[in-house]
Amino acid sequence: MYMVMLVLDDPNRLDEVLDAWYEAGVGGVTIIESTGINRRRMARQVGALFMDGINRLIGSEEESHYTLFVIVEDESKVQTCLNKVEEIVGDLNQPNTGIIASWRLSNVKGSHRTNQA
């Protein structure tokens, strides 16, 4: 089994990615709202109070990413996850798309997975 981690740069694409993975038989995704160090540093430099006021004025909150984690059965499912993401956001080697990584799991307990497609 493998863990797949995706940091999705555009939060508006989340549902598209989740739907594509589900249709490909990948379910049980854990989703965490996240931000990167550069965005965090920028917010700190500008000042939390100033940014809070600007965000309220324009009706926006600090832009964030989504980090997705999912356990898949084999390397072919890892490749499926990658392919589906790139169909939606484009080549992950391009800026402002995302980052995907996977690694083999030596021990998994508590994952009662069946084919969910």
PDB file of N, CA and C in Angstrom:
ATOM      1  N   MET A   1       0.846  -1.169   0.000  1.00  0.00           N
ATOM      2  CA  MET A   1       0.000   0.000   0.000  1.00  0.00           C
ATOM      3  C   MET A   1       0.896   1.238   0.000  1.00  0.00           C
ATOM      4  N   TYR A   2       0.340   2.342  -0.504  1.00  0.00           N
ATOM      5  CA  TYR A   2       1.070   3.590  -0.653  1.00  0.00           C
ATOM      6  C   TYR A   2       0.262   4.750  -0.089  1.00  0.00           C
ATOM      7  N   MET A   3       0.980   5.737   0.430  1.00  0.00           N
ATOM      8  CA  MET A   3       0.372   6.995   0.821  1.00  0.00           C
ATOM      9  C   MET A   3       0.613   7.982  -0.315  1.00  0.00           C
ATOM     10  N   VAL A   4      -0.437   8.682  -0.701  1.00  0.00           N
ATOM     11  CA  VAL A   4      -0.332   9.747  -1.693  1.00  0.00           C
ATOM     12  C   VAL A   4      -0.676  11.053  -0.978  1.00  0.00           C
ATOM     13  N   MET A   5       0.178  12.055  -1.169  1.00  0.00           N
ATOM     14  CA  MET A   5      -0.054  13.373  -0.612  1.00  0.00           C
ATOM     15  C   MET A   5      -0.073  14.377  -1.767  1.00  0.00           C
ATOM     16  N   LEU A   6      -1.103  15.168  -1.815  1.00  0.00           N
ATOM     17  CA  LEU A   6      -1.224  16.216  -2.827  1.00  0.00           C
ATOM     18  C   LEU A   6      -1.429  17.545  -2.132  1.00  0.00           C
ATOM     19  N   VAL A   7      -0.579  18.525  -2.448  1.00  0.00           N
ATOM     20  CA  VAL A   7      -0.816  19.908  -2.040  1.00  0.00           C
ATOM     21  C   VAL A   7      -1.390  20.597  -3.271  1.00  0.00           C
ATOM     22  N   LEU A   8      -2.654  20.928  -3.191  1.00  0.00           N
ATOM     23  CA  LEU A   8      -3.383  21.521  -4.317  1.00  0.00           C
ATOM     24  C   LEU A   8      -3.342  23.032  -4.192  1.00  0.00           C
ATOM     25  N   ASP A   9      -2.724  23.707  -5.152  1.00  0.00           N
ATOM     26  CA  ASP A   9      -2.534  25.152  -5.071  1.00  0.00           C
ATOM     27  C   ASP A   9      -3.845  25.923  -5.202  1.00  0.00           C
ATOM     28  N   ASP A  10      -4.721  25.507  -6.080  1.00  0.00           N
ATOM     29  CA  ASP A  10      -5.973  26.228  -6.333  1.00  0.00           C
ATOM     30  C   ASP A  10      -7.112  25.548  -5.574  1.00  0.00           C
ATOM     31  N   PRO A  11      -7.569  26.146  -4.471  1.00  0.00           N
ATOM     32  CA  PRO A  11      -8.627  25.514  -3.693  1.00  0.00           C
ATOM     33  C   PRO A  11      -9.945  25.351  -4.461  1.00  0.00           C
ATOM     34  N   ASN A  12     -10.115  26.114  -5.526  1.00  0.00           N
ATOM     35  CA  ASN A  12     -11.330  25.997  -6.326  1.00  0.00           C
ATOM     36  C   ASN A  12     -11.382  24.699  -7.132  1.00  0.00           C
ATOM     37  N   ARG A  13     -10.268  23.983  -7.239  1.00  0.00           N
ATOM     38  CA  ARG A  13     -10.215  22.734  -8.009  1.00  0.00           C
ATOM     39  C   ARG A  13     -10.420  21.493  -7.142  1.00  0.00           C
ATOM     40  N   LEU A  14     -10.615  21.694  -5.841  1.00  0.00           N
ATOM     41  CA  LEU A  14     -10.711  20.575  -4.905  1.00  0.00           C
ATOM     42  C   LEU A  14     -11.781  19.571  -5.296  1.00  0.00           C
ATOM     43  N   ASP A  15     -12.993  20.027  -5.534  1.00  0.00           N
ATOM     44  CA  ASP A  15     -14.078  19.092  -5.853  1.00  0.00           C
ATOM     45  C   ASP A  15     -13.826  18.338  -7.151  1.00  0.00           C
ATOM     46  N   GLU A  16     -13.219  18.999  -8.123  1.00  0.00           N
ATOM     47  CA  GLU A  16     -12.879  18.312  -9.373  1.00  0.00           C
ATOM     48  C   GLU A  16     -11.900  17.166  -9.122  1.00  0.00           C
ATOM     49  N   VAL A  17     -10.886  17.430  -8.304  1.00  0.00           N
ATOM     50  CA  VAL A  17      -9.899  16.390  -7.994  1.00  0.00           C
ATOM     51  C   VAL A  17     -10.559  15.257  -7.233  1.00  0.00           C
ATOM     52  N   LEU A  18     -11.337  15.584  -6.215  1.00  0.00           N
ATOM     53  CA  LEU A  18     -12.005  14.541  -5.427  1.00  0.00           C
ATOM     54  C   LEU A  18     -12.927  13.694  -6.294  1.00  0.00           C
ATOM     55  N   ASP A  19     -13.687  14.334  -7.168  1.00  0.00           N
ATOM     56  CA  ASP A  19     -14.593  13.586  -8.055  1.00  0.00           C
ATOM     57  C   ASP A  19     -13.818  12.682  -9.008  1.00  0.00           C
ATOM     58  N   ALA A  20     -12.738  13.198  -9.572  1.00  0.00           N
ATOM     59  CA  ALA A  20     -11.934  12.401 -10.507  1.00  0.00           C
ATOM     60  C   ALA A  20     -11.310  11.203  -9.803  1.00  0.00           C
ATOM     61  N   TRP A  21     -10.791  11.412  -8.601  1.00  0.00           N
ATOM     62  CA  TRP A  21     -10.214  10.300  -7.846  1.00  0.00           C
ATOM     63  C   TRP A  21     -11.286   9.276  -7.492  1.00  0.00           C
ATOM     64  N   TYR A  22     -12.451   9.733  -7.055  1.00  0.00           N
ATOM     65  CA  TYR A  22     -13.524   8.815  -6.683  1.00  0.00           C
ATOM     66  C   TYR A  22     -13.950   7.971  -7.884  1.00  0.00           C
ATOM     67  N   GLU A  23     -14.117   8.613  -9.041  1.00  0.00           N
ATOM     68  CA  GLU A  23     -14.500   7.891 -10.256  1.00  0.00           C
ATOM     69  C   GLU A  23     -13.444   6.871 -10.665  1.00  0.00           C
ATOM     70  N   ALA A  24     -12.192   7.100 -10.274  1.00  0.00           N
ATOM     71  CA  ALA A  24     -11.102   6.184 -10.587  1.00  0.00           C
ATOM     72  C   ALA A  24     -10.910   5.123  -9.504  1.00  0.00           C
ATOM     73  N   GLY A  25     -11.798   5.106  -8.513  1.00  0.00           N
ATOM     74  CA  GLY A  25     -11.714   4.102  -7.464  1.00  0.00           C
ATOM     75  C   GLY A  25     -10.859   4.488  -6.281  1.00  0.00           C
ATOM     76  N   VAL A  26     -10.583   5.767  -6.153  1.00  0.00           N
ATOM     77  CA  VAL A  26      -9.768   6.255  -5.037  1.00  0.00           C
ATOM     78  C   VAL A  26     -10.689   7.025  -4.101  1.00  0.00           C
ATOM     79  N   GLY A  27     -10.885   6.505  -2.908  1.00  0.00           N
ATOM     80  CA  GLY A  27     -11.749   7.159  -1.925  1.00  0.00           C
ATOM     81  C   GLY A  27     -11.065   7.202  -0.580  1.00  0.00           C
ATOM     82  N   GLY A  28     -11.759   7.711   0.404  1.00  0.00           N
ATOM     83  CA  GLY A  28     -11.201   7.787   1.742  1.00  0.00           C
ATOM     84  C   GLY A  28     -10.135   8.848   1.869  1.00  0.00           C
ATOM     85  N   VAL A  29     -10.295   9.957   1.181  1.00  0.00           N
ATOM     86  CA  VAL A  29      -9.295  11.030   1.173  1.00  0.00           C
ATOM     87  C   VAL A  29      -9.464  11.892   2.424  1.00  0.00           C
ATOM     88  N   THR A  30      -8.350  12.195   3.070  1.00  0.00           N
ATOM     89  CA  THR A  30      -8.343  13.147   4.175  1.00  0.00           C
ATOM     90  C   THR A  30      -7.899  14.500   3.620  1.00  0.00           C
ATOM     91  N   ILE A  31      -8.629  15.556   3.985  1.00  0.00           N
ATOM     92  CA  ILE A  31      -8.387  16.891   3.446  1.00  0.00           C
ATOM     93  C   ILE A  31      -8.026  17.828   4.596  1.00  0.00           C
ATOM     94  N   ILE A  32      -6.914  18.527   4.436  1.00  0.00           N
ATOM     95  CA  ILE A  32      -6.463  19.487   5.441  1.00  0.00           C
ATOM     96  C   ILE A  32      -6.246  20.830   4.749  1.00  0.00           C
ATOM     97  N   GLU A  33      -6.817  21.887   5.316  1.00  0.00           N
ATOM     98  CA  GLU A  33      -6.539  23.221   4.798  1.00  0.00           C
ATOM     99  C   GLU A  33      -5.133  23.597   5.250  1.00  0.00           C
ATOM    100  N   SER A  34      -4.328  24.114   4.342  1.00  0.00           N
ATOM    101  CA  SER A  34      -2.926  24.375   4.659  1.00  0.00           C
ATOM    102  C   SER A  34      -2.461  25.651   3.967  1.00  0.00           C
ATOM    103  N   THR A  35      -1.300  26.128   4.402  1.00  0.00           N
ATOM    104  CA  THR A  35      -0.675  27.266   3.753  1.00  0.00           C
ATOM    105  C   THR A  35       0.829  27.031   3.731  1.00  0.00           C
ATOM    106  N   GLY A  36       1.513  27.708   2.845  1.00  0.00           N
ATOM    107  CA  GLY A  36       2.954  27.537   2.715  1.00  0.00           C
ATOM    108  C   GLY A  36       3.727  28.611   3.457  1.00  0.00           C
ATOM    109  N   ILE A  37       5.007  28.382   3.608  1.00  0.00           N
ATOM    110  CA  ILE A  37       5.856  29.294   4.372  1.00  0.00           C
ATOM    111  C   ILE A  37       5.918  30.685   3.739  1.00  0.00           C
ATOM    112  N   ASN A  38       5.934  30.771   2.414  1.00  0.00           N
ATOM    113  CA  ASN A  38       6.020  32.094   1.779  1.00  0.00           C
ATOM    114  C   ASN A  38       4.778  32.927   2.057  1.00  0.00           C
ATOM    115  N   ARG A  39       3.608  32.319   2.002  1.00  0.00           N
ATOM    116  CA  ARG A  39       2.389  33.069   2.304  1.00  0.00           C
ATOM    117  C   ARG A  39       2.344  33.454   3.769  1.00  0.00           C
ATOM    118  N   ARG A  40       2.811  32.581   4.624  1.00  0.00           N
ATOM    119  CA  ARG A  40       2.838  32.868   6.057  1.00  0.00           C
ATOM    120  C   ARG A  40       3.804  34.016   6.357  1.00  0.00           C
ATOM    121  N   ARG A  41       4.978  33.979   5.756  1.00  0.00           N
ATOM    122  CA  ARG A  41       5.958  35.051   5.970  1.00  0.00           C
ATOM    123  C   ARG A  41       5.436  36.393   5.476  1.00  0.00           C
ATOM    124  N   MET A  42       4.771  36.383   4.318  1.00  0.00           N
ATOM    125  CA  MET A  42       4.227  37.625   3.777  1.00  0.00           C
ATOM    126  C   MET A  42       3.185  38.197   4.737  1.00  0.00           C
ATOM    127  N   ALA A  43       2.337  37.356   5.261  1.00  0.00           N
ATOM    128  CA  ALA A  43       1.313  37.820   6.192  1.00  0.00           C
ATOM    129  C   ALA A  43       1.950  38.400   7.451  1.00  0.00           C
ATOM    130  N   ARG A  44       3.014  37.765   7.930  1.00  0.00           N
ATOM    131  CA  ARG A  44       3.712  38.263   9.123  1.00  0.00           C
ATOM    132  C   ARG A  44       4.385  39.595   8.847  1.00  0.00           C
ATOM    133  N   GLN A  45       4.977  39.738   7.673  1.00  0.00           N
ATOM    134  CA  GLN A  45       5.699  40.973   7.348  1.00  0.00           C
ATOM    135  C   GLN A  45       4.751  42.154   7.209  1.00  0.00           C
ATOM    136  N   VAL A  46       3.615  41.918   6.598  1.00  0.00           N
ATOM    137  CA  VAL A  46       2.654  42.998   6.400  1.00  0.00           C
ATOM    138  C   VAL A  46       1.999  43.360   7.724  1.00  0.00           C
ATOM    139  N   GLY A  47       1.862  42.380   8.572  1.00  0.00           N
ATOM    140  CA  GLY A  47       1.265  42.625   9.894  1.00  0.00           C
ATOM    141  C   GLY A  47      -0.116  42.020   9.962  1.00  0.00           C
ATOM    142  N   ALA A  48      -0.353  41.283  11.006  1.00  0.00           N
ATOM    143  CA  ALA A  48      -1.621  40.573  11.158  1.00  0.00           C
ATOM    144  C   ALA A  48      -2.799  41.535  11.218  1.00  0.00           C
ATOM    145  N   LEU A  49      -2.668  42.639  11.947  1.00  0.00           N
ATOM    146  CA  LEU A  49      -3.796  43.563  12.070  1.00  0.00           C
ATOM    147  C   LEU A  49      -4.121  44.219  10.739  1.00  0.00           C
ATOM    148  N   PHE A  50      -3.099  44.657  10.018  1.00  0.00           N
ATOM    149  CA  PHE A  50      -3.310  45.293   8.726  1.00  0.00           C
ATOM    150  C   PHE A  50      -3.985  44.314   7.764  1.00  0.00           C
ATOM    151  N   MET A  51      -3.457  43.084   7.694  1.00  0.00           N
ATOM    152  CA  MET A  51      -4.026  42.077   6.794  1.00  0.00           C
ATOM    153  C   MET A  51      -5.457  41.734   7.180  1.00  0.00           C
ATOM    154  N   ASP A  52      -5.731  41.639   8.480  1.00  0.00           N
ATOM    155  CA  ASP A  52      -7.083  41.341   8.931  1.00  0.00           C
ATOM    156  C   ASP A  52      -8.049  42.415   8.463  1.00  0.00           C
ATOM    157  N   GLY A  53      -7.639  43.675   8.590  1.00  0.00           N
ATOM    158  CA  GLY A  53      -8.491  44.777   8.146  1.00  0.00           C
ATOM    159  C   GLY A  53      -8.713  44.770   6.647  1.00  0.00           C
ATOM    160  N   ILE A  54      -7.660  44.531   5.883  1.00  0.00           N
ATOM    161  CA  ILE A  54      -7.777  44.469   4.422  1.00  0.00           C
ATOM    162  C   ILE A  54      -8.677  43.309   4.019  1.00  0.00           C
ATOM    163  N   ASN A  55      -8.482  42.161   4.634  1.00  0.00           N
ATOM    164  CA  ASN A  55      -9.288  40.986   4.292  1.00  0.00           C
ATOM    165  C   ASN A  55     -10.762  41.230   4.580  1.00  0.00           C
ATOM    166  N   ARG A  56     -11.061  41.880   5.697  1.00  0.00           N
ATOM    167  CA  ARG A  56     -12.463  42.178   5.994  1.00  0.00           C
ATOM    168  C   ARG A  56     -13.026  43.181   4.984  1.00  0.00           C
ATOM    169  N   LEU A  57     -12.220  44.153   4.601  1.00  0.00           N
ATOM    170  CA  LEU A  57     -12.650  45.176   3.661  1.00  0.00           C
ATOM    171  C   LEU A  57     -12.999  44.572   2.303  1.00  0.00           C
ATOM    172  N   ILE A  58     -12.173  43.658   1.821  1.00  0.00           N
ATOM    173  CA  ILE A  58     -12.425  43.072   0.493  1.00  0.00           C
ATOM    174  C   ILE A  58     -13.193  41.757   0.566  1.00  0.00           C
ATOM    175  N   GLY A  59     -13.566  41.340   1.779  1.00  0.00           N
ATOM    176  CA  GLY A  59     -14.354  40.118   1.921  1.00  0.00           C
ATOM    177  C   GLY A  59     -13.574  38.866   1.607  1.00  0.00           C
ATOM    178  N   SER A  60     -12.304  38.856   1.929  1.00  0.00           N
ATOM    179  CA  SER A  60     -11.458  37.720   1.612  1.00  0.00           C
ATOM    180  C   SER A  60     -10.748  37.245   2.861  1.00  0.00           C
ATOM    181  N   GLU A  61     -10.335  35.999   2.830  1.00  0.00           N
ATOM    182  CA  GLU A  61      -9.503  35.471   3.896  1.00  0.00           C
ATOM    183  C   GLU A  61      -8.166  35.095   3.290  1.00  0.00           C
ATOM    184  N   GLU A  62      -7.167  34.839   4.139  1.00  0.00           N
ATOM    185  CA  GLU A  62      -5.854  34.448   3.644  1.00  0.00           C
ATOM    186  C   GLU A  62      -6.014  33.256   2.712  1.00  0.00           C
ATOM    187  N   GLU A  63      -5.416  33.355   1.532  1.00  0.00           N
ATOM    188  CA  GLU A  63      -5.512  32.277   0.559  1.00  0.00           C
ATOM    189  C   GLU A  63      -4.782  31.053   1.086  1.00  0.00           C
ATOM    190  N   SER A  64      -5.419  29.926   0.932  1.00  0.00           N
ATOM    191  CA  SER A  64      -4.816  28.704   1.440  1.00  0.00           C
ATOM    192  C   SER A  64      -4.824  27.637   0.350  1.00  0.00           C
ATOM    193  N   HIS A  65      -4.184  26.551   0.682  1.00  0.00           N
ATOM    194  CA  HIS A  65      -4.165  25.371  -0.174  1.00  0.00           C
ATOM    195  C   HIS A  65      -4.986  24.292   0.513  1.00  0.00           C
ATOM    196  N   TYR A  66      -5.154  23.189  -0.195  1.00  0.00           N
ATOM    197  CA  TYR A  66      -5.648  21.979   0.443  1.00  0.00           C
ATOM    198  C   TYR A  66      -4.571  20.926   0.298  1.00  0.00           C
ATOM    199  N   THR A  67      -4.329  20.201   1.386  1.00  0.00           N
ATOM    200  CA  THR A  67      -3.434  19.064   1.343  1.00  0.00           C
ATOM    201  C   THR A  67      -4.276  17.822   1.508  1.00  0.00           C
ATOM    202  N   LEU A  68      -4.161  16.907   0.542  1.00  0.00           N
ATOM    203  CA  LEU A  68      -4.945  15.683   0.531  1.00  0.00           C
ATOM    204  C   LEU A  68      -4.040  14.498   0.813  1.00  0.00           C
ATOM    205  N   PHE A  69      -4.523  13.586   1.632  1.00  0.00           N
ATOM    206  CA  PHE A  69      -3.817  12.338   1.926  1.00  0.00           C
ATOM    207  C   PHE A  69      -4.754  11.186   1.624  1.00  0.00           C
ATOM    208  N   VAL A  70      -4.230  10.167   0.962  1.00  0.00           N
ATOM    209  CA  VAL A  70      -5.040   8.984   0.689  1.00  0.00           C
ATOM    210  C   VAL A  70      -4.124   7.762   0.618  1.00  0.00           C
ATOM    211  N   ILE A  71      -4.621   6.645   1.119  1.00  0.00           N
ATOM    212  CA  ILE A  71      -3.913   5.369   1.015  1.00  0.00           C
ATOM    213  C   ILE A  71      -4.476   4.635  -0.188  1.00  0.00           C
ATOM    214  N   VAL A  72      -3.576   4.194  -1.066  1.00  0.00           N
ATOM    215  CA  VAL A  72      -3.987   3.429  -2.242  1.00  0.00           C
ATOM    216  C   VAL A  72      -3.276   2.076  -2.244  1.00  0.00           C
ATOM    217  N   GLU A  73      -3.824   1.160  -3.029  1.00  0.00           N
ATOM    218  CA  GLU A  73      -3.381  -0.227  -2.996  1.00  0.00           C
ATOM    219  C   GLU A  73      -2.013  -0.472  -3.614  1.00  0.00           C
ATOM    220  N   ASP A  74      -1.723   0.229  -4.719  1.00  0.00           N
ATOM    221  CA  ASP A  74      -0.507  -0.112  -5.458  1.00  0.00           C
ATOM    222  C   ASP A  74      -0.028   1.078  -6.276  1.00  0.00           C
ATOM    223  N   GLU A  75       1.111   0.868  -6.952  1.00  0.00           N
ATOM    224  CA  GLU A  75       1.714   1.959  -7.736  1.00  0.00           C
ATOM    225  C   GLU A  75       0.835   2.399  -8.899  1.00  0.00           C
ATOM    226  N   SER A  76       0.031   1.510  -9.437  1.00  0.00           N
ATOM    227  CA  SER A  76      -0.847   1.924 -10.542  1.00  0.00           C
ATOM    228  C   SER A  76      -1.886   2.937 -10.057  1.00  0.00           C
ATOM    229  N   LYS A  77      -2.353   2.797  -8.807  1.00  0.00           N
ATOM    230  CA  LYS A  77      -3.297   3.785  -8.259  1.00  0.00           C
ATOM    231  C   LYS A  77      -2.589   5.103  -7.961  1.00  0.00           C
ATOM    232  N   VAL A  78      -1.317   5.029  -7.560  1.00  0.00           N
ATOM    233  CA  VAL A  78      -0.540   6.251  -7.375  1.00  0.00           C
ATOM    234  C   VAL A  78      -0.477   7.002  -8.700  1.00  0.00           C
ATOM    235  N   GLN A  79      -0.177   6.297  -9.774  1.00  0.00           N
ATOM    236  CA  GLN A  79      -0.087   6.918 -11.100  1.00  0.00           C
ATOM    237  C   GLN A  79      -1.443   7.460 -11.544  1.00  0.00           C
ATOM    238  N   THR A  80      -2.504   6.739 -11.206  1.00  0.00           N
ATOM    239  CA  THR A  80      -3.856   7.215 -11.526  1.00  0.00           C
ATOM    240  C   THR A  80      -4.124   8.543 -10.833  1.00  0.00           C
ATOM    241  N   CYS A  81      -3.760   8.634  -9.546  1.00  0.00           N
ATOM    242  CA  CYS A  81      -3.950   9.891  -8.813  1.00  0.00           C
ATOM    243  C   CYS A  81      -3.206  11.032  -9.499  1.00  0.00           C
ATOM    244  N   LEU A  82      -1.955  10.785  -9.856  1.00  0.00           N
ATOM    245  CA  LEU A  82      -1.150  11.797 -10.537  1.00  0.00           C
ATOM    246  C   LEU A  82      -1.786  12.208 -11.858  1.00  0.00           C
ATOM    247  N   ASN A  83      -2.162  11.234 -12.665  1.00  0.00           N
ATOM    248  CA  ASN A  83      -2.750  11.524 -13.979  1.00  0.00           C
ATOM    249  C   ASN A  83      -4.026  12.351 -13.855  1.00  0.00           C
ATOM    250  N   LYS A  84      -4.887  11.980 -12.924  1.00  0.00           N
ATOM    251  CA  LYS A  84      -6.158  12.698 -12.753  1.00  0.00           C
ATOM    252  C   LYS A  84      -5.919  14.145 -12.320  1.00  0.00           C
ATOM    253  N   VAL A  85      -4.956  14.352 -11.420  1.00  0.00           N
ATOM    254  CA  VAL A  85      -4.652  15.713 -10.977  1.00  0.00           C
ATOM    255  C   VAL A  85      -4.145  16.546 -12.146  1.00  0.00           C
ATOM    256  N   GLU A  86      -3.222  15.986 -12.931  1.00  0.00           N
ATOM    257  CA  GLU A  86      -2.674  16.758 -14.042  1.00  0.00           C
ATOM    258  C   GLU A  86      -3.698  16.995 -15.148  1.00  0.00           C
ATOM    259  N   GLU A  87      -4.680  16.146 -15.303  1.00  0.00           N
ATOM    260  CA  GLU A  87      -5.772  16.418 -16.250  1.00  0.00           C
ATOM    261  C   GLU A  87      -6.545  17.659 -15.827  1.00  0.00           C
ATOM    262  N   ILE A  88      -6.594  17.920 -14.532  1.00  0.00           N
ATOM    263  CA  ILE A  88      -7.380  19.034 -14.005  1.00  0.00           C
ATOM    264  C   ILE A  88      -6.559  20.313 -13.888  1.00  0.00           C
ATOM    265  N   VAL A  89      -5.371  20.245 -13.292  1.00  0.00           N
ATOM    266  CA  VAL A  89      -4.603  21.462 -13.012  1.00  0.00           C
ATOM    267  C   VAL A  89      -3.483  21.711 -14.001  1.00  0.00           C
ATOM    268  N   GLY A  90      -3.171  20.730 -14.834  1.00  0.00           N
ATOM    269  CA  GLY A  90      -2.056  20.859 -15.763  1.00  0.00           C
ATOM    270  C   GLY A  90      -0.802  20.225 -15.194  1.00  0.00           C
ATOM    271  N   ASP A  91       0.291  20.391 -15.887  1.00  0.00           N
ATOM    272  CA  ASP A  91       1.577  19.814 -15.518  1.00  0.00           C
ATOM    273  C   ASP A  91       2.006  20.330 -14.146  1.00  0.00           C
ATOM    274  N   LEU A  92       2.205  19.419 -13.207  1.00  0.00           N
ATOM    275  CA  LEU A  92       2.596  19.819 -11.857  1.00  0.00           C
ATOM    276  C   LEU A  92       4.008  20.399 -11.796  1.00  0.00           C
ATOM    277  N   ASN A  93       4.772  20.289 -12.870  1.00  0.00           N
ATOM    278  CA  ASN A  93       6.079  20.935 -12.920  1.00  0.00           C
ATOM    279  C   ASN A  93       5.957  22.439 -13.183  1.00  0.00           C
ATOM    280  N   GLN A  94       4.763  22.895 -13.521  1.00  0.00           N
ATOM    281  CA  GLN A  94       4.518  24.317 -13.745  1.00  0.00           C
ATOM    282  C   GLN A  94       4.167  24.990 -12.422  1.00  0.00           C
ATOM    283  N   PRO A  95       4.456  26.280 -12.293  1.00  0.00           N
ATOM    284  CA  PRO A  95       4.139  26.979 -11.037  1.00  0.00           C
ATOM    285  C   PRO A  95       2.643  27.069 -10.790  1.00  0.00           C
ATOM    286  N   ASN A  96       2.288  27.216  -9.540  1.00  0.00           N
ATOM    287  CA  ASN A  96       0.901  27.450  -9.116  1.00  0.00           C
ATOM    288  C   ASN A  96      -0.049  26.324  -9.491  1.00  0.00           C
ATOM    289  N   THR A  97       0.439  25.097  -9.451  1.00  0.00           N
ATOM    290  CA  THR A  97      -0.422  23.947  -9.727  1.00  0.00           C
ATOM    291  C   THR A  97      -0.557  23.073  -8.495  1.00  0.00           C
ATOM    292  N   GLY A  98       0.568  22.614  -7.976  1.00  0.00           N
ATOM    293  CA  GLY A  98       0.532  21.766  -6.799  1.00  0.00           C
ATOM    294  C   GLY A  98       1.766  20.899  -6.717  1.00  0.00           C
ATOM    295  N   ILE A  99       1.771  20.049  -5.709  1.00  0.00           N
ATOM    296  CA  ILE A  99       2.862  19.107  -5.489  1.00  0.00           C
ATOM    297  C   ILE A  99       2.245  17.780  -5.101  1.00  0.00           C
ATOM    298  N   ILE A 100       2.733  16.706  -5.695  1.00  0.00           N
ATOM    299  CA  ILE A 100       2.257  15.380  -5.315  1.00  0.00           C
ATOM    300  C   ILE A 100       3.464  14.521  -4.957  1.00  0.00           C
ATOM    301  N   ALA A 101       3.289  13.705  -3.945  1.00  0.00           N
ATOM    302  CA  ALA A 101       4.340  12.783  -3.521  1.00  0.00           C
ATOM    303  C   ALA A 101       3.677  11.497  -3.055  1.00  0.00           C
ATOM    304  N   SER A 102       4.426  10.405  -3.139  1.00  0.00           N
ATOM    305  CA  SER A 102       3.901   9.133  -2.634  1.00  0.00           C
ATOM    306  C   SER A 102       5.033   8.350  -2.005  1.00  0.00           C
ATOM    307  N   TRP A 103       4.685   7.471  -1.105  1.00  0.00           N
ATOM    308  CA  TRP A 103       5.674   6.599  -0.486  1.00  0.00           C
ATOM    309  C   TRP A 103       4.998   5.304  -0.055  1.00  0.00           C
ATOM    310  N   ARG A 104       5.807   4.245  -0.059  1.00  0.00           N
ATOM    311  CA  ARG A 104       5.329   2.917   0.300  1.00  0.00           C
ATOM    312  C   ARG A 104       5.117   2.854   1.814  1.00  0.00           C
ATOM    313  N   LEU A 105       4.044   2.207   2.227  1.00  0.00           N
ATOM    314  CA  LEU A 105       3.722   2.051   3.642  1.00  0.00           C
ATOM    315  C   LEU A 105       4.104   0.654   4.100  1.00  0.00           C
ATOM    316  N   SER A 106       4.822   0.561   5.175  1.00  0.00           N
ATOM    317  CA  SER A 106       5.233  -0.749   5.681  1.00  0.00           C
ATOM    318  C   SER A 106       4.185  -1.344   6.612  1.00  0.00           C
ATOM    319  N   ASN A 107       3.291  -0.506   7.147  1.00  0.00           N
ATOM    320  CA  ASN A 107       2.305  -0.999   8.083  1.00  0.00           C
ATOM    321  C   ASN A 107       1.063  -0.124   8.006  1.00  0.00           C
ATOM    322  N   VAL A 108      -0.085  -0.743   7.824  1.00  0.00           N
ATOM    323  CA  VAL A 108      -1.354  -0.011   7.800  1.00  0.00           C
ATOM    324  C   VAL A 108      -2.341  -0.797   8.641  1.00  0.00           C
ATOM    325  N   LYS A 109      -2.966  -0.123   9.582  1.00  0.00           N
ATOM    326  CA  LYS A 109      -3.978  -0.759  10.419  1.00  0.00           C
ATOM    327  C   LYS A 109      -5.145   0.205  10.554  1.00  0.00           C
ATOM    328  N   GLY A 110      -6.338  -0.315  10.441  1.00  0.00           N
ATOM    329  CA  GLY A 110      -7.516   0.531  10.586  1.00  0.00           C
ATOM    330  C   GLY A 110      -8.099   1.008   9.273  1.00  0.00           C
ATOM    331  N   SER A 111      -7.485   0.641   8.176  1.00  0.00           N
ATOM    332  CA  SER A 111      -8.008   1.010   6.866  1.00  0.00           C
ATOM    333  C   SER A 111      -8.846  -0.148   6.349  1.00  0.00           C
ATOM    334  N   HIS A 112     -10.128  -0.029   6.468  1.00  0.00           N
ATOM    335  CA  HIS A 112     -11.057  -1.073   6.038  1.00  0.00           C
ATOM    336  C   HIS A 112     -11.548  -0.740   4.640  1.00  0.00           C
ATOM    337  N   ARG A 113     -10.643  -0.847   3.679  1.00  0.00           N
ATOM    338  CA  ARG A 113     -10.917  -0.373   2.336  1.00  0.00           C
ATOM    339  C   ARG A 113     -11.461  -1.484   1.443  1.00  0.00           C
ATOM    340  N   THR A 114     -12.405  -1.102   0.648  1.00  0.00           N
ATOM    341  CA  THR A 114     -12.880  -1.942  -0.440  1.00  0.00           C
ATOM    342  C   THR A 114     -12.835  -1.079  -1.684  1.00  0.00           C
ATOM    343  N   ASN A 115     -13.021  -1.682  -2.840  1.00  0.00           N
ATOM    344  CA  ASN A 115     -13.047  -0.903  -4.081  1.00  0.00           C
ATOM    345  C   ASN A 115     -14.258   0.033  -4.012  1.00  0.00           C
ATOM    346  N   GLN A 116     -14.003   1.329  -4.015  1.00  0.00           N
ATOM    347  CA  GLN A 116     -15.063   2.305  -3.807  1.00  0.00           C
ATOM    348  C   GLN A 116     -15.551   2.928  -5.108  1.00  0.00           C
ATOM    349  N   ALA A 117     -15.129   2.416  -6.229  1.00  0.00           N
ATOM    350  CA  ALA A 117     -15.579   2.994  -7.506  1.00  0.00           C
ATOM    351  C   ALA A 117     -16.906   2.409  -7.908  1.00  0.00           C
TER     352      ALA A 117
END
